Amino acid sequence: MENNTSLQQQLLEAGVHFGHLRKKWNPKMLPYIFAEKKGIHIIDLNKTVEGLQETAAALKSIAKSGKKIMFVATKKQAKEIVADCAQKINMPFVTERWLGGMLTNFNTVRKSVKKMQSIEKMLNDGSIDNLTKKERLTLTRDKEKMEKVLGGIAQISRVPAALFLVDIGHEHIALAEAKRLGITTFGMVDTNCDPNKVEFAIPANDDATKSIAIIVNYITAAIAEGLAERQAEKDEDDSASDVEESPEAKAARFEQKVGEGDDRGKRTKGAAPTKRRVAGPGAGGGARRPGGPGAGPR
């Protein structure tokens, strides 16, 4: 309970409870609104803590299973915060512009990523120096453009298992694509959005930098914890497999091998020898010719 109280205090100080003007509200956010003050809705921080903890637990289990979680935040206030947090835990992110079909047409987007990586390889190994100055300039510009948009998803080879959105109203295209593919969605939901559009909603102020930072950092810490647990389990399995066998186990395994060898030898000795048929004179597969060496008196 004390942890929840301290978390609520931190959320209050960060301004997570501030919603939008009353005229902009979405009626489906009514269960998450605490009160109205000077025409602005106040979000119930008890609901925020509840949603935040549920989201953190779900994302932790996804990370522990080894699946990828994509962060999406193209708002100016959230770009740097989300990019830094996603890079810390080695997760894909989109902070510049959501390309239409980034999930539903992932194979085509993946081709663009491979093209960007091939240009980067040419720059590193010096093979780009063999091209003309104009071609070098064109390739460098293309690489910079693709790096800006696709740099955050360059390391993933398949569609992510979950999507975390900072503003579900602003990222409606990403949300629609995720729903179409059946990807689990998590998001920060302000009083002007519909919380039923995402599977895990965190009612919070999605416009203030401090509010975004505290929510994203909490989520990042939960994911990092899940990754650490996965690594610990992996290390335990490796150490268990490296432990030497006990002398009793070795002796039992040796006796089993000897027994299998004896059984195989007995089966081989007990098998009847195969007789080889020798063809007699005149046996050639056809009828005997009269007057031949094997022919009798007529």
C-alpha atoms as a PDB file:
ATOM      1  CA  MET A   1       0.000   0.000   0.000  1.00  0.00           C
ATOM      2  CA  GLU A   2       2.856   2.341   0.808  1.00  0.00           C
ATOM      3  CA  ASN A   3       4.367   1.726  -2.635  1.00  0.00           C
ATOM      4  CA  ASN A   4       1.069   2.647  -4.272  1.00  0.00           C
ATOM      5  CA  THR A   5       0.861   5.818  -2.176  1.00  0.00           C
ATOM      6  CA  SER A   6       4.393   6.889  -3.115  1.00  0.00           C
ATOM      7  CA  LEU A   7       3.697   6.093  -6.776  1.00  0.00           C
ATOM      8  CA  GLN A   8       0.513   8.173  -6.637  1.00  0.00           C
ATOM      9  CA  GLN A   9       2.478  11.050  -5.135  1.00  0.00           C
ATOM     10  CA  GLN A  10       5.053  10.865  -7.934  1.00  0.00           C
ATOM     11  CA  LEU A  11       2.281  10.767 -10.566  1.00  0.00           C
ATOM     12  CA  LEU A  12       0.603  13.778  -8.917  1.00  0.00           C
ATOM     13  CA  GLU A  13       3.848  15.766  -8.945  1.00  0.00           C
ATOM     14  CA  ALA A  14       4.388  14.907 -12.633  1.00  0.00           C
ATOM     15  CA  GLY A  15       0.916  16.211 -13.550  1.00  0.00           C
ATOM     16  CA  VAL A  16      -0.395  12.844 -14.783  1.00  0.00           C
ATOM     17  CA  HIS A  17      -3.867  13.698 -13.417  1.00  0.00           C
ATOM     18  CA  PHE A  18      -4.518  16.632 -15.777  1.00  0.00           C
ATOM     19  CA  GLY A  19      -6.959  15.812 -18.555  1.00  0.00           C
ATOM     20  CA  HIS A  20      -8.371  17.815 -21.464  1.00  0.00           C
ATOM     21  CA  LEU A  21     -11.080  20.474 -21.491  1.00  0.00           C
ATOM     22  CA  ARG A  22     -14.600  19.251 -20.812  1.00  0.00           C
ATOM     23  CA  LYS A  23     -15.743  20.089 -24.336  1.00  0.00           C
ATOM     24  CA  LYS A  24     -13.102  17.721 -25.775  1.00  0.00           C
ATOM     25  CA  TRP A  25     -13.821  14.729 -23.558  1.00  0.00           C
ATOM     26  CA  ASN A  26     -14.815  11.239 -24.642  1.00  0.00           C
ATOM     27  CA  PRO A  27     -17.813   9.932 -22.618  1.00  0.00           C
ATOM     28  CA  LYS A  28     -16.222   6.451 -22.480  1.00  0.00           C
ATOM     29  CA  MET A  29     -13.533   7.908 -20.194  1.00  0.00           C
ATOM     30  CA  LEU A  30     -16.130   8.642 -17.490  1.00  0.00           C
ATOM     31  CA  PRO A  31     -15.046   5.736 -15.173  1.00  0.00           C
ATOM     32  CA  TYR A  32     -11.491   7.138 -15.134  1.00  0.00           C
ATOM     33  CA  ILE A  33     -12.412  10.780 -14.366  1.00  0.00           C
ATOM     34  CA  PHE A  34     -12.235  11.872 -10.723  1.00  0.00           C
ATOM     35  CA  ALA A  35     -13.647  15.403 -10.980  1.00  0.00           C
ATOM     36  CA  GLU A  36     -13.869  18.574 -13.059  1.00  0.00           C
ATOM     37  CA  LYS A  37     -12.046  21.743 -12.100  1.00  0.00           C
ATOM     38  CA  LYS A  38     -12.262  25.029 -14.026  1.00  0.00           C
ATOM     39  CA  GLY A  39     -13.530  23.243 -17.123  1.00  0.00           C
ATOM     40  CA  ILE A  40     -10.691  20.666 -17.083  1.00  0.00           C
ATOM     41  CA  HIS A  41     -11.203  17.012 -16.226  1.00  0.00           C
ATOM     42  CA  ILE A  42      -9.072  15.500 -13.461  1.00  0.00           C
ATOM     43  CA  ILE A  43      -8.039  11.856 -13.951  1.00  0.00           C
ATOM     44  CA  ASP A  44      -8.453   9.440 -11.029  1.00  0.00           C
ATOM     45  CA  LEU A  45      -4.883   8.447 -10.067  1.00  0.00           C
ATOM     46  CA  ASN A  46      -6.126   5.256  -8.364  1.00  0.00           C
ATOM     47  CA  LYS A  47      -7.253   4.057 -11.799  1.00  0.00           C
ATOM     48  CA  THR A  48      -3.951   5.222 -13.288  1.00  0.00           C
ATOM     49  CA  VAL A  49      -1.900   3.199 -10.774  1.00  0.00           C
ATOM     50  CA  GLU A  50      -4.115   0.166 -11.338  1.00  0.00           C
ATOM     51  CA  GLY A  51      -3.781   0.374 -15.133  1.00  0.00           C
ATOM     52  CA  LEU A  52      -0.041   1.080 -14.914  1.00  0.00           C
ATOM     53  CA  GLN A  53       0.618  -1.979 -12.740  1.00  0.00           C
ATOM     54  CA  GLU A  54      -1.493  -4.266 -14.950  1.00  0.00           C
ATOM     55  CA  THR A  55       0.314  -3.012 -18.063  1.00  0.00           C
ATOM     56  CA  ALA A  56       3.736  -3.401 -16.443  1.00  0.00           C
ATOM     57  CA  ALA A  57       2.966  -6.994 -15.374  1.00  0.00           C
ATOM     58  CA  ALA A  58       1.726  -7.944 -18.855  1.00  0.00           C
ATOM     59  CA  LEU A  59       4.707  -6.358 -20.626  1.00  0.00           C
ATOM     60  CA  LYS A  60       7.100  -8.001 -18.173  1.00  0.00           C
ATOM     61  CA  SER A  61       5.698 -11.457 -19.007  1.00  0.00           C
ATOM     62  CA  ILE A  62       5.942 -10.747 -22.765  1.00  0.00           C
ATOM     63  CA  ALA A  63       9.581  -9.647 -22.395  1.00  0.00           C
ATOM     64  CA  LYS A  64      10.329 -12.694 -20.227  1.00  0.00           C
ATOM     65  CA  SER A  65       9.019 -14.964 -22.993  1.00  0.00           C
ATOM     66  CA  GLY A  66      11.587 -13.454 -25.383  1.00  0.00           C
ATOM     67  CA  LYS A  67       9.152 -11.544 -27.625  1.00  0.00           C
ATOM     68  CA  LYS A  68       9.590  -7.976 -28.876  1.00  0.00           C
ATOM     69  CA  ILE A  69       7.563  -4.930 -27.806  1.00  0.00           C
ATOM     70  CA  MET A  70       7.417  -1.950 -30.169  1.00  0.00           C
ATOM     71  CA  PHE A  71       7.192   1.579 -28.744  1.00  0.00           C
ATOM     72  CA  VAL A  72       5.315   4.135 -30.859  1.00  0.00           C
ATOM     73  CA  ALA A  73       5.455   7.853 -30.058  1.00  0.00           C
ATOM     74  CA  THR A  74       5.595  10.367 -32.897  1.00  0.00           C
ATOM     75  CA  LYS A  75       4.535  13.344 -30.735  1.00  0.00           C
ATOM     76  CA  LYS A  76       7.183  16.011 -30.258  1.00  0.00           C
ATOM     77  CA  GLN A  77       7.035  15.782 -26.444  1.00  0.00           C
ATOM     78  CA  ALA A  78       7.573  12.004 -26.376  1.00  0.00           C
ATOM     79  CA  LYS A  79      10.152  11.363 -29.148  1.00  0.00           C
ATOM     80  CA  GLU A  80      13.389  11.608 -27.170  1.00  0.00           C
ATOM     81  CA  ILE A  81      12.018   9.991 -24.007  1.00  0.00           C
ATOM     82  CA  VAL A  82      10.664   6.921 -25.824  1.00  0.00           C
ATOM     83  CA  ALA A  83      13.737   6.537 -28.064  1.00  0.00           C
ATOM     84  CA  ASP A  84      16.112   6.594 -25.058  1.00  0.00           C
ATOM     85  CA  CYS A  85      14.050   4.129 -23.018  1.00  0.00           C
ATOM     86  CA  ALA A  86      13.573   1.710 -25.926  1.00  0.00           C
ATOM     87  CA  GLN A  87      17.306   1.717 -26.724  1.00  0.00           C
ATOM     88  CA  LYS A  88      18.154   0.918 -23.085  1.00  0.00           C
ATOM     89  CA  ILE A  89      16.181  -2.342 -23.234  1.00  0.00           C
ATOM     90  CA  ASN A  90      16.979  -3.084 -26.900  1.00  0.00           C
ATOM     91  CA  MET A  91      13.370  -2.867 -28.129  1.00  0.00           C
ATOM     92  CA  PRO A  92      12.128  -1.509 -31.497  1.00  0.00           C
ATOM     93  CA  PHE A  93      10.631   1.982 -31.608  1.00  0.00           C
ATOM     94  CA  VAL A  94       9.058   4.467 -34.035  1.00  0.00           C
ATOM     95  CA  THR A  95       9.411   8.145 -33.157  1.00  0.00           C
ATOM     96  CA  GLU A  96       9.517  10.041 -36.474  1.00  0.00           C
ATOM     97  CA  ARG A  97       6.656   8.985 -38.712  1.00  0.00           C
ATOM     98  CA  TRP A  98       4.494   5.892 -38.857  1.00  0.00           C
ATOM     99  CA  LEU A  99       4.737   4.505 -42.378  1.00  0.00           C
ATOM    100  CA  GLY A 100       1.425   3.116 -43.582  1.00  0.00           C
ATOM    101  CA  GLY A 101       1.733  -0.661 -43.666  1.00  0.00           C
ATOM    102  CA  MET A 102       4.687  -0.854 -41.295  1.00  0.00           C
ATOM    103  CA  LEU A 103       3.016  -3.878 -39.703  1.00  0.00           C
ATOM    104  CA  THR A 104       0.497  -5.105 -42.274  1.00  0.00           C
ATOM    105  CA  ASN A 105       3.039  -4.836 -45.108  1.00  0.00           C
ATOM    106  CA  PHE A 106       6.079  -5.736 -43.004  1.00  0.00           C
ATOM    107  CA  ASN A 107       7.889  -7.681 -45.765  1.00  0.00           C
ATOM    108  CA  THR A 108       8.121  -4.581 -47.991  1.00  0.00           C
ATOM    109  CA  VAL A 109       9.310  -2.432 -45.075  1.00  0.00           C
ATOM    110  CA  ARG A 110      11.892  -5.104 -44.290  1.00  0.00           C
ATOM    111  CA  LYS A 111      13.266  -4.760 -47.856  1.00  0.00           C
ATOM    112  CA  SER A 112      13.812  -1.037 -47.249  1.00  0.00           C
ATOM    113  CA  VAL A 113      15.631  -1.869 -44.004  1.00  0.00           C
ATOM    114  CA  LYS A 114      17.903  -4.310 -45.857  1.00  0.00           C
ATOM    115  CA  LYS A 115      18.640  -1.639 -48.485  1.00  0.00           C
ATOM    116  CA  MET A 116      19.595   0.798 -45.712  1.00  0.00           C
ATOM    117  CA  GLN A 117      21.871  -1.818 -44.125  1.00  0.00           C
ATOM    118  CA  SER A 118      23.546  -2.588 -47.470  1.00  0.00           C
ATOM    119  CA  ILE A 119      24.324   1.144 -48.019  1.00  0.00           C
ATOM    120  CA  GLU A 120      25.723   1.306 -44.469  1.00  0.00           C
ATOM    121  CA  LYS A 121      27.918  -1.702 -45.216  1.00  0.00           C
ATOM    122  CA  MET A 122      29.221  -0.020 -48.382  1.00  0.00           C
ATOM    123  CA  LEU A 123      30.091   3.085 -46.380  1.00  0.00           C
ATOM    124  CA  ASN A 124      31.945   1.044 -43.752  1.00  0.00           C
ATOM    125  CA  ASP A 125      34.013  -1.176 -46.069  1.00  0.00           C
ATOM    126  CA  GLY A 126      34.896   1.656 -48.477  1.00  0.00           C
ATOM    127  CA  SER A 127      33.328   0.080 -51.577  1.00  0.00           C
ATOM    128  CA  ILE A 128      31.237   3.238 -52.029  1.00  0.00           C
ATOM    129  CA  ASP A 129      34.428   5.071 -53.057  1.00  0.00           C
ATOM    130  CA  ASN A 130      34.315   3.223 -56.395  1.00  0.00           C
ATOM    131  CA  LEU A 131      31.116   5.082 -57.321  1.00  0.00           C
ATOM    132  CA  THR A 132      30.879   8.566 -58.771  1.00  0.00           C
ATOM    133  CA  LYS A 133      30.457  11.590 -56.535  1.00  0.00           C
ATOM    134  CA  LYS A 134      26.785  12.024 -57.529  1.00  0.00           C
ATOM    135  CA  GLU A 135      25.955   8.367 -56.808  1.00  0.00           C
ATOM    136  CA  ARG A 136      27.693   8.573 -53.418  1.00  0.00           C
ATOM    137  CA  LEU A 137      25.714  11.673 -52.506  1.00  0.00           C
ATOM    138  CA  THR A 138      22.406  10.081 -53.563  1.00  0.00           C
ATOM    139  CA  LEU A 139      23.063   6.913 -51.572  1.00  0.00           C
ATOM    140  CA  THR A 140      24.120   8.875 -48.482  1.00  0.00           C
ATOM    141  CA  ARG A 141      20.939  10.983 -48.606  1.00  0.00           C
ATOM    142  CA  ASP A 142      18.759   7.893 -49.050  1.00  0.00           C
ATOM    143  CA  LYS A 143      20.461   6.225 -46.118  1.00  0.00           C
ATOM    144  CA  GLU A 144      19.908   9.264 -43.868  1.00  0.00           C
ATOM    145  CA  LYS A 145      16.209   9.411 -44.773  1.00  0.00           C
ATOM    146  CA  MET A 146      15.703   5.694 -44.118  1.00  0.00           C
ATOM    147  CA  GLU A 147      17.747   5.842 -40.910  1.00  0.00           C
ATOM    148  CA  LYS A 148      15.463   8.577 -39.600  1.00  0.00           C
ATOM    149  CA  VAL A 149      12.257   6.615 -40.202  1.00  0.00           C
ATOM    150  CA  LEU A 150      13.373   2.967 -40.009  1.00  0.00           C
ATOM    151  CA  GLY A 151      16.388   3.170 -37.676  1.00  0.00           C
ATOM    152  CA  GLY A 152      14.359   2.045 -34.661  1.00  0.00           C
ATOM    153  CA  ILE A 153      13.067  -1.141 -36.303  1.00  0.00           C
ATOM    154  CA  ALA A 154      16.273  -2.171 -38.117  1.00  0.00           C
ATOM    155  CA  GLN A 155      17.039  -5.039 -35.730  1.00  0.00           C
ATOM    156  CA  ILE A 156      13.695  -6.880 -35.852  1.00  0.00           C
ATOM    157  CA  SER A 157      13.064  -9.617 -38.416  1.00  0.00           C
ATOM    158  CA  ARG A 158       9.403 -10.268 -37.625  1.00  0.00           C
ATOM    159  CA  VAL A 159       6.268  -8.445 -36.474  1.00  0.00           C
ATOM    160  CA  PRO A 160       6.422  -7.546 -32.727  1.00  0.00           C
ATOM    161  CA  ALA A 161       4.230  -9.291 -30.162  1.00  0.00           C
ATOM    162  CA  ALA A 162       2.960  -6.066 -28.570  1.00  0.00           C
ATOM    163  CA  LEU A 163       2.632  -2.337 -29.230  1.00  0.00           C
ATOM    164  CA  PHE A 164       2.957   0.434 -26.632  1.00  0.00           C
ATOM    165  CA  LEU A 165       1.436   3.747 -27.787  1.00  0.00           C
ATOM    166  CA  VAL A 166       1.889   7.073 -26.033  1.00  0.00           C
ATOM    167  CA  ASP A 167      -1.255   8.723 -27.503  1.00  0.00           C
ATOM    168  CA  ILE A 168      -3.747   6.280 -29.029  1.00  0.00           C
ATOM    169  CA  GLY A 169      -5.630   9.112 -30.766  1.00  0.00           C
ATOM    170  CA  HIS A 170      -2.478  10.440 -32.430  1.00  0.00           C
ATOM    171  CA  GLU A 171      -1.233   6.925 -33.351  1.00  0.00           C
ATOM    172  CA  HIS A 172      -4.561   5.678 -34.748  1.00  0.00           C
ATOM    173  CA  ILE A 173      -2.965   4.169 -37.892  1.00  0.00           C
ATOM    174  CA  ALA A 174      -0.544   2.047 -35.860  1.00  0.00           C
ATOM    175  CA  LEU A 175      -3.415   0.999 -33.591  1.00  0.00           C
ATOM    176  CA  ALA A 176      -5.594  -0.025 -36.556  1.00  0.00           C
ATOM    177  CA  GLU A 177      -2.772  -2.125 -38.061  1.00  0.00           C
ATOM    178  CA  ALA A 178      -2.079  -3.831 -34.731  1.00  0.00           C
ATOM    179  CA  LYS A 179      -5.767  -4.687 -34.315  1.00  0.00           C
ATOM    180  CA  ARG A 180      -5.905  -6.118 -37.822  1.00  0.00           C
ATOM    181  CA  LEU A 181      -2.987  -8.453 -37.080  1.00  0.00           C
ATOM    182  CA  GLY A 182      -4.183  -9.357 -33.577  1.00  0.00           C
ATOM    183  CA  ILE A 183      -1.199  -7.747 -31.830  1.00  0.00           C
ATOM    184  CA  THR A 184      -1.649  -6.922 -28.129  1.00  0.00           C
ATOM    185  CA  THR A 185      -1.951  -3.157 -27.623  1.00  0.00           C
ATOM    186  CA  PHE A 186      -1.016  -1.001 -24.618  1.00  0.00           C
ATOM    187  CA  GLY A 187      -1.396   2.747 -24.436  1.00  0.00           C
ATOM    188  CA  MET A 188      -1.567   6.009 -22.520  1.00  0.00           C
ATOM    189  CA  VAL A 189      -5.164   7.244 -22.798  1.00  0.00           C
ATOM    190  CA  ASP A 190      -6.165  10.847 -22.146  1.00  0.00           C
ATOM    191  CA  THR A 191      -9.714  12.098 -21.493  1.00  0.00           C
ATOM    192  CA  ASN A 192     -10.267  12.810 -25.213  1.00  0.00           C
ATOM    193  CA  CYS A 193      -9.739   9.154 -26.316  1.00  0.00           C
ATOM    194  CA  ASP A 194     -11.640   5.869 -26.185  1.00  0.00           C
ATOM    195  CA  PRO A 195     -10.003   3.461 -23.675  1.00  0.00           C
ATOM    196  CA  ASN A 196     -11.780   0.454 -25.227  1.00  0.00           C
ATOM    197  CA  LYS A 197      -9.617   0.682 -28.347  1.00  0.00           C
ATOM    198  CA  VAL A 198      -6.603  -0.777 -26.516  1.00  0.00           C
ATOM    199  CA  GLU A 199      -6.449  -3.968 -24.482  1.00  0.00           C
ATOM    200  CA  PHE A 200      -4.472  -2.345 -21.635  1.00  0.00           C
ATOM    201  CA  ALA A 201      -5.239   1.336 -21.025  1.00  0.00           C
ATOM    202  CA  ILE A 202      -3.318   3.689 -18.723  1.00  0.00           C
ATOM    203  CA  PRO A 203      -5.465   6.786 -18.050  1.00  0.00           C
ATOM    204  CA  ALA A 204      -2.917   9.606 -17.971  1.00  0.00           C
ATOM    205  CA  ASN A 205      -1.941  12.990 -19.336  1.00  0.00           C
ATOM    206  CA  ASP A 206      -0.263  12.208 -22.687  1.00  0.00           C
ATOM    207  CA  ASP A 207       0.743  15.798 -23.495  1.00  0.00           C
ATOM    208  CA  ALA A 208       3.121  16.759 -20.663  1.00  0.00           C
ATOM    209  CA  THR A 209       6.758  15.663 -20.931  1.00  0.00           C
ATOM    210  CA  LYS A 210       7.034  14.807 -17.210  1.00  0.00           C
ATOM    211  CA  SER A 211       3.891  12.683 -17.331  1.00  0.00           C
ATOM    212  CA  ILE A 212       5.105  10.739 -20.384  1.00  0.00           C
ATOM    213  CA  ALA A 213       8.558  10.292 -18.822  1.00  0.00           C
ATOM    214  CA  ILE A 214       7.309   8.796 -15.532  1.00  0.00           C
ATOM    215  CA  ILE A 215       4.930   6.356 -17.265  1.00  0.00           C
ATOM    216  CA  VAL A 216       7.440   5.209 -19.915  1.00  0.00           C
ATOM    217  CA  ASN A 217      10.242   4.835 -17.353  1.00  0.00           C
ATOM    218  CA  TYR A 218       8.007   2.671 -15.142  1.00  0.00           C
ATOM    219  CA  ILE A 219       7.118   0.456 -18.120  1.00  0.00           C
ATOM    220  CA  THR A 220      10.774   0.249 -19.181  1.00  0.00           C
ATOM    221  CA  ALA A 221      11.839  -0.846 -15.694  1.00  0.00           C
ATOM    222  CA  ALA A 222       9.242  -3.655 -15.744  1.00  0.00           C
ATOM    223  CA  ILE A 223      10.424  -4.869 -19.169  1.00  0.00           C
ATOM    224  CA  ALA A 224      14.072  -4.732 -18.046  1.00  0.00           C
ATOM    225  CA  GLU A 225      13.137  -6.850 -15.020  1.00  0.00           C
ATOM    226  CA  GLY A 226      11.482  -9.429 -17.275  1.00  0.00           C
ATOM    227  CA  LEU A 227      14.560  -9.573 -19.529  1.00  0.00           C
ATOM    228  CA  ALA A 228      16.828  -9.996 -16.492  1.00  0.00           C
ATOM    229  CA  GLU A 229      14.715 -12.909 -15.214  1.00  0.00           C
ATOM    230  CA  ARG A 230      14.857 -14.546 -18.645  1.00  0.00           C
ATOM    231  CA  GLN A 231      18.652 -14.216 -18.707  1.00  0.00           C
ATOM    232  CA  ALA A 232      18.922 -15.640 -15.172  1.00  0.00           C
ATOM    233  CA  GLU A 233      16.832 -18.681 -16.134  1.00  0.00           C
ATOM    234  CA  LYS A 234      18.949 -19.193 -19.234  1.00  0.00           C
ATOM    235  CA  ASP A 235      22.166 -19.069 -17.164  1.00  0.00           C
ATOM    236  CA  GLU A 236      20.731 -21.581 -14.685  1.00  0.00           C
ATOM    237  CA  ASP A 237      19.852 -24.001 -17.507  1.00  0.00           C
ATOM    238  CA  ASP A 238      23.345 -23.656 -18.991  1.00  0.00           C
ATOM    239  CA  SER A 239      25.032 -24.261 -15.637  1.00  0.00           C
ATOM    240  CA  ALA A 240      22.805 -27.290 -14.972  1.00  0.00           C
ATOM    241  CA  SER A 241      23.738 -28.830 -18.323  1.00  0.00           C
ATOM    242  CA  ASP A 242      27.453 -28.243 -17.630  1.00  0.00           C
ATOM    243  CA  VAL A 243      27.418 -30.076 -14.284  1.00  0.00           C
ATOM    244  CA  GLU A 244      29.400 -33.341 -14.503  1.00  0.00           C
ATOM    245  CA  GLU A 245      27.627 -36.687 -14.131  1.00  0.00           C
ATOM    246  CA  SER A 246      28.004 -38.567 -10.850  1.00  0.00           C
ATOM    247  CA  PRO A 247      30.140 -41.767 -10.865  1.00  0.00           C
ATOM    248  CA  GLU A 248      26.990 -43.886 -10.256  1.00  0.00           C
ATOM    249  CA  ALA A 249      25.265 -42.368 -13.310  1.00  0.00           C
ATOM    250  CA  LYS A 250      28.357 -42.969 -15.456  1.00  0.00           C
ATOM    251  CA  ALA A 251      28.573 -46.636 -14.302  1.00  0.00           C
ATOM    252  CA  ALA A 252      24.870 -47.202 -15.036  1.00  0.00           C
ATOM    253  CA  ARG A 253      25.226 -45.659 -18.510  1.00  0.00           C
ATOM    254  CA  PHE A 254      28.303 -47.863 -19.217  1.00  0.00           C
ATOM    255  CA  GLU A 255      26.455 -51.043 -18.116  1.00  0.00           C
ATOM    256  CA  GLN A 256      23.527 -50.138 -20.337  1.00  0.00           C
ATOM    257  CA  LYS A 257      25.827 -49.751 -23.359  1.00  0.00           C
ATOM    258  CA  VAL A 258      27.531 -53.126 -22.617  1.00  0.00           C
ATOM    259  CA  GLY A 259      24.151 -54.834 -22.299  1.00  0.00           C
ATOM    260  CA  GLU A 260      22.996 -53.407 -25.633  1.00  0.00           C
ATOM    261  CA  GLY A 261      26.235 -54.704 -27.272  1.00  0.00           C
ATOM    262  CA  ASP A 262      25.729 -58.257 -25.873  1.00  0.00           C
ATOM    263  CA  ASP A 263      22.139 -58.401 -27.105  1.00  0.00           C
ATOM    264  CA  ARG A 264      23.210 -57.311 -30.568  1.00  0.00           C
ATOM    265  CA  GLY A 265      25.939 -60.065 -30.641  1.00  0.00           C
ATOM    266  CA  LYS A 266      23.471 -62.769 -29.585  1.00  0.00           C
ATOM    267  CA  ARG A 267      21.012 -61.781 -32.297  1.00  0.00           C
ATOM    268  CA  THR A 268      23.793 -61.919 -34.890  1.00  0.00           C
ATOM    269  CA  LYS A 269      24.976 -65.429 -33.775  1.00  0.00           C
ATOM    270  CA  GLY A 270      21.477 -66.871 -33.660  1.00  0.00           C
ATOM    271  CA  ALA A 271      20.601 -65.787 -37.188  1.00  0.00           C
ATOM    272  CA  ALA A 272      20.560 -68.656 -39.805  1.00  0.00           C
ATOM    273  CA  PRO A 273      23.270 -68.326 -42.467  1.00  0.00           C
ATOM    274  CA  THR A 274      21.931 -67.426 -45.859  1.00  0.00           C
ATOM    275  CA  LYS A 275      22.491 -70.100 -48.535  1.00  0.00           C
ATOM    276  CA  ARG A 276      23.981 -69.062 -51.818  1.00  0.00           C
ATOM    277  CA  ARG A 277      22.462 -70.733 -54.831  1.00  0.00           C
ATOM    278  CA  VAL A 278      24.934 -71.982 -57.429  1.00  0.00           C
ATOM    279  CA  ALA A 279      23.708 -72.326 -60.959  1.00  0.00           C
ATOM    280  CA  GLY A 280      24.192 -75.807 -62.470  1.00  0.00           C
ATOM    281  CA  PRO A 281      25.334 -76.554 -65.978  1.00  0.00           C
ATOM    282  CA  GLY A 282      22.704 -75.563 -68.433  1.00  0.00           C
ATOM    283  CA  ALA A 283      20.948 -73.267 -65.990  1.00  0.00           C
ATOM    284  CA  GLY A 284      20.702 -70.021 -67.828  1.00  0.00           C
ATOM    285  CA  GLY A 285      17.168 -69.032 -67.158  1.00  0.00           C
ATOM    286  CA  GLY A 286      15.864 -70.461 -70.485  1.00  0.00           C
ATOM    287  CA  ALA A 287      14.813 -73.977 -71.695  1.00  0.00           C
ATOM    288  CA  ARG A 288      17.448 -76.726 -72.317  1.00  0.00           C
ATOM    289  CA  ARG A 289      18.551 -77.048 -75.855  1.00  0.00           C
ATOM    290  CA  PRO A 290      18.434 -80.692 -77.153  1.00  0.00           C
ATOM    291  CA  GLY A 291      21.769 -82.069 -78.184  1.00  0.00           C
ATOM    292  CA  GLY A 292      23.656 -79.998 -75.701  1.00  0.00           C
ATOM    293  CA  PRO A 293      26.124 -81.279 -73.079  1.00  0.00           C
ATOM    294  CA  GLY A 294      23.335 -82.053 -70.648  1.00  0.00           C
ATOM    295  CA  ALA A 295      21.059 -83.819 -73.107  1.00  0.00           C
ATOM    296  CA  GLY A 296      20.332 -87.574 -72.553  1.00  0.00           C
ATOM    297  CA  PRO A 297      19.832 -90.366 -75.135  1.00  0.00           C
ATOM    298  CA  ARG A 298      16.800 -89.898 -77.273  1.00  0.00           C
END
